[in-house]
Amino acid sequence: MDELKKQQILETYKWIKVEKYNDDASLTWEERYRRLEQHHIEETKFLIDTIREIVKTL
């Protein structure tokens, strides 16, 4: 991993490739909850995959 990527991970959120969650108040609470849950799953998977990549390089 190059120094720029290390610096981004340590100091910013730019390296996270999952879009920020945007709530849609026009949906029912069930639909909003489902969308939020799906966003958390996507974000968690991305973060776990990134950690696995980092560990492989150690």
N, C-alpha and C. Protein backbone atom coordinates (compact mmCIF):
# COMPACT_ATOMS: atom_id res chain seq x y z
N MET A 1 0.85 -1.17 0.00
CA MET A 1 0.00 0.00 0.00
C MET A 1 0.90 1.24 0.00
N ASP A 2 0.61 2.16 -0.90
CA ASP A 2 1.45 3.35 -0.98
C ASP A 2 1.12 4.34 0.14
N GLU A 3 2.00 5.29 0.33
CA GLU A 3 1.87 6.24 1.44
C GLU A 3 0.62 7.12 1.30
N LEU A 4 0.24 7.48 0.08
CA LEU A 4 -0.94 8.31 -0.12
C LEU A 4 -2.20 7.59 0.35
N LYS A 5 -2.32 6.32 0.00
CA LYS A 5 -3.49 5.55 0.41
C LYS A 5 -3.51 5.40 1.94
N LYS A 6 -2.36 5.14 2.54
CA LYS A 6 -2.29 5.05 4.00
C LYS A 6 -2.75 6.34 4.64
N GLN A 7 -2.28 7.46 4.10
CA GLN A 7 -2.64 8.76 4.64
C GLN A 7 -4.14 9.02 4.51
N GLN A 8 -4.72 8.65 3.36
CA GLN A 8 -6.16 8.82 3.16
C GLN A 8 -6.96 8.01 4.18
N ILE A 9 -6.55 6.77 4.40
CA ILE A 9 -7.25 5.91 5.34
C ILE A 9 -7.17 6.46 6.75
N LEU A 10 -6.01 6.95 7.12
CA LEU A 10 -5.80 7.44 8.48
C LEU A 10 -6.43 8.81 8.74
N GLU A 11 -6.53 9.65 7.72
CA GLU A 11 -6.92 11.04 7.95
C GLU A 11 -8.22 11.50 7.30
N THR A 12 -8.79 10.69 6.40
CA THR A 12 -9.98 11.13 5.68
C THR A 12 -10.99 10.00 5.56
N TYR A 13 -12.09 10.30 4.90
CA TYR A 13 -13.09 9.29 4.56
C TYR A 13 -13.20 9.11 3.05
N LYS A 14 -12.32 9.76 2.29
CA LYS A 14 -12.36 9.72 0.83
C LYS A 14 -12.21 8.30 0.28
N TRP A 15 -11.53 7.45 0.99
CA TRP A 15 -11.24 6.10 0.51
C TRP A 15 -12.46 5.18 0.59
N ILE A 16 -13.49 5.58 1.33
CA ILE A 16 -14.69 4.75 1.44
C ILE A 16 -15.52 4.93 0.18
N LYS A 17 -15.72 3.84 -0.54
CA LYS A 17 -16.36 3.89 -1.85
C LYS A 17 -17.87 3.64 -1.81
N VAL A 18 -18.45 3.66 -0.63
CA VAL A 18 -19.90 3.49 -0.49
C VAL A 18 -20.51 4.87 -0.35
N GLU A 19 -21.51 5.15 -1.19
CA GLU A 19 -22.15 6.46 -1.12
C GLU A 19 -22.80 6.68 0.24
N LYS A 20 -22.82 7.93 0.65
CA LYS A 20 -23.46 8.30 1.90
C LYS A 20 -24.96 8.00 1.82
N TYR A 21 -25.53 7.52 2.90
CA TYR A 21 -26.95 7.19 2.93
C TYR A 21 -27.79 8.46 2.89
N ASN A 22 -28.79 8.46 2.04
CA ASN A 22 -29.74 9.57 1.97
C ASN A 22 -31.13 9.05 2.27
N ASP A 23 -31.72 9.58 3.32
CA ASP A 23 -33.05 9.15 3.72
C ASP A 23 -34.10 9.74 2.77
N ASP A 24 -35.15 8.99 2.52
CA ASP A 24 -36.25 9.45 1.68
C ASP A 24 -37.52 9.46 2.53
N ALA A 25 -37.90 10.62 2.99
CA ALA A 25 -39.04 10.75 3.89
C ALA A 25 -40.37 10.42 3.22
N SER A 26 -40.39 10.29 1.91
CA SER A 26 -41.65 9.98 1.22
C SER A 26 -41.98 8.49 1.29
N LEU A 27 -41.04 7.66 1.74
CA LEU A 27 -41.27 6.22 1.85
C LEU A 27 -41.87 5.88 3.20
N THR A 28 -42.43 4.68 3.30
CA THR A 28 -42.94 4.22 4.60
C THR A 28 -41.76 3.93 5.50
N TRP A 29 -42.02 3.83 6.80
CA TRP A 29 -40.91 3.56 7.72
C TRP A 29 -40.30 2.19 7.44
N GLU A 30 -41.13 1.24 6.99
CA GLU A 30 -40.61 -0.09 6.67
C GLU A 30 -39.62 -0.02 5.49
N GLU A 31 -40.01 0.73 4.44
CA GLU A 31 -39.13 0.87 3.28
C GLU A 31 -37.85 1.62 3.65
N ARG A 32 -38.00 2.65 4.46
CA ARG A 32 -36.83 3.42 4.89
C ARG A 32 -35.89 2.55 5.71
N TYR A 33 -36.46 1.76 6.60
CA TYR A 33 -35.64 0.86 7.42
C TYR A 33 -34.91 -0.16 6.55
N ARG A 34 -35.60 -0.72 5.57
CA ARG A 34 -35.00 -1.71 4.66
C ARG A 34 -33.84 -1.10 3.88
N ARG A 35 -34.04 0.12 3.39
CA ARG A 35 -32.98 0.81 2.65
C ARG A 35 -31.79 1.12 3.55
N LEU A 36 -32.06 1.55 4.77
CA LEU A 36 -30.98 1.84 5.71
C LEU A 36 -30.21 0.57 6.06
N GLU A 37 -30.95 -0.51 6.30
CA GLU A 37 -30.30 -1.79 6.61
C GLU A 37 -29.43 -2.24 5.44
N GLN A 38 -29.93 -2.11 4.22
CA GLN A 38 -29.15 -2.51 3.04
C GLN A 38 -27.89 -1.66 2.92
N HIS A 39 -28.00 -0.39 3.22
CA HIS A 39 -26.83 0.50 3.18
C HIS A 39 -25.80 0.05 4.21
N HIS A 40 -26.23 -0.29 5.40
CA HIS A 40 -25.30 -0.76 6.44
C HIS A 40 -24.60 -2.05 6.01
N ILE A 41 -25.33 -2.94 5.39
CA ILE A 41 -24.74 -4.19 4.91
C ILE A 41 -23.67 -3.90 3.86
N GLU A 42 -23.99 -3.04 2.91
CA GLU A 42 -23.04 -2.68 1.85
C GLU A 42 -21.79 -2.02 2.44
N GLU A 43 -22.00 -1.10 3.36
CA GLU A 43 -20.87 -0.40 3.97
C GLU A 43 -20.00 -1.35 4.81
N THR A 44 -20.63 -2.20 5.58
CA THR A 44 -19.90 -3.15 6.41
C THR A 44 -19.10 -4.12 5.56
N LYS A 45 -19.70 -4.61 4.49
CA LYS A 45 -19.00 -5.53 3.59
C LYS A 45 -17.78 -4.83 2.98
N PHE A 46 -17.94 -3.60 2.55
CA PHE A 46 -16.82 -2.86 1.99
C PHE A 46 -15.69 -2.72 3.01
N LEU A 47 -16.02 -2.36 4.24
CA LEU A 47 -15.01 -2.16 5.27
C LEU A 47 -14.32 -3.47 5.64
N ILE A 48 -15.07 -4.55 5.74
CA ILE A 48 -14.47 -5.85 6.04
C ILE A 48 -13.54 -6.28 4.91
N ASP A 49 -13.96 -6.11 3.67
CA ASP A 49 -13.12 -6.47 2.53
C ASP A 49 -11.83 -5.65 2.52
N THR A 50 -11.92 -4.38 2.87
CA THR A 50 -10.74 -3.52 2.93
C THR A 50 -9.79 -3.99 4.01
N ILE A 51 -10.30 -4.32 5.17
CA ILE A 51 -9.46 -4.82 6.27
C ILE A 51 -8.77 -6.11 5.85
N ARG A 52 -9.48 -6.99 5.17
CA ARG A 52 -8.89 -8.24 4.71
C ARG A 52 -7.75 -7.98 3.73
N GLU A 53 -7.94 -7.01 2.83
CA GLU A 53 -6.88 -6.63 1.90
C GLU A 53 -5.64 -6.15 2.63
N ILE A 54 -5.85 -5.30 3.62
CA ILE A 54 -4.74 -4.76 4.41
C ILE A 54 -4.00 -5.87 5.14
N VAL A 55 -4.73 -6.78 5.74
CA VAL A 55 -4.11 -7.87 6.50
C VAL A 55 -3.30 -8.77 5.58
N LYS A 56 -3.75 -8.99 4.36
CA LYS A 56 -3.01 -9.82 3.42
C LYS A 56 -1.63 -9.24 3.12
N THR A 57 -1.51 -7.93 3.18
CA THR A 57 -0.23 -7.30 2.87
C THR A 57 0.72 -7.28 4.04
N LEU A 58 0.27 -7.64 5.21
CA LEU A 58 1.14 -7.62 6.41
C LEU A 58 2.06 -8.81 6.46
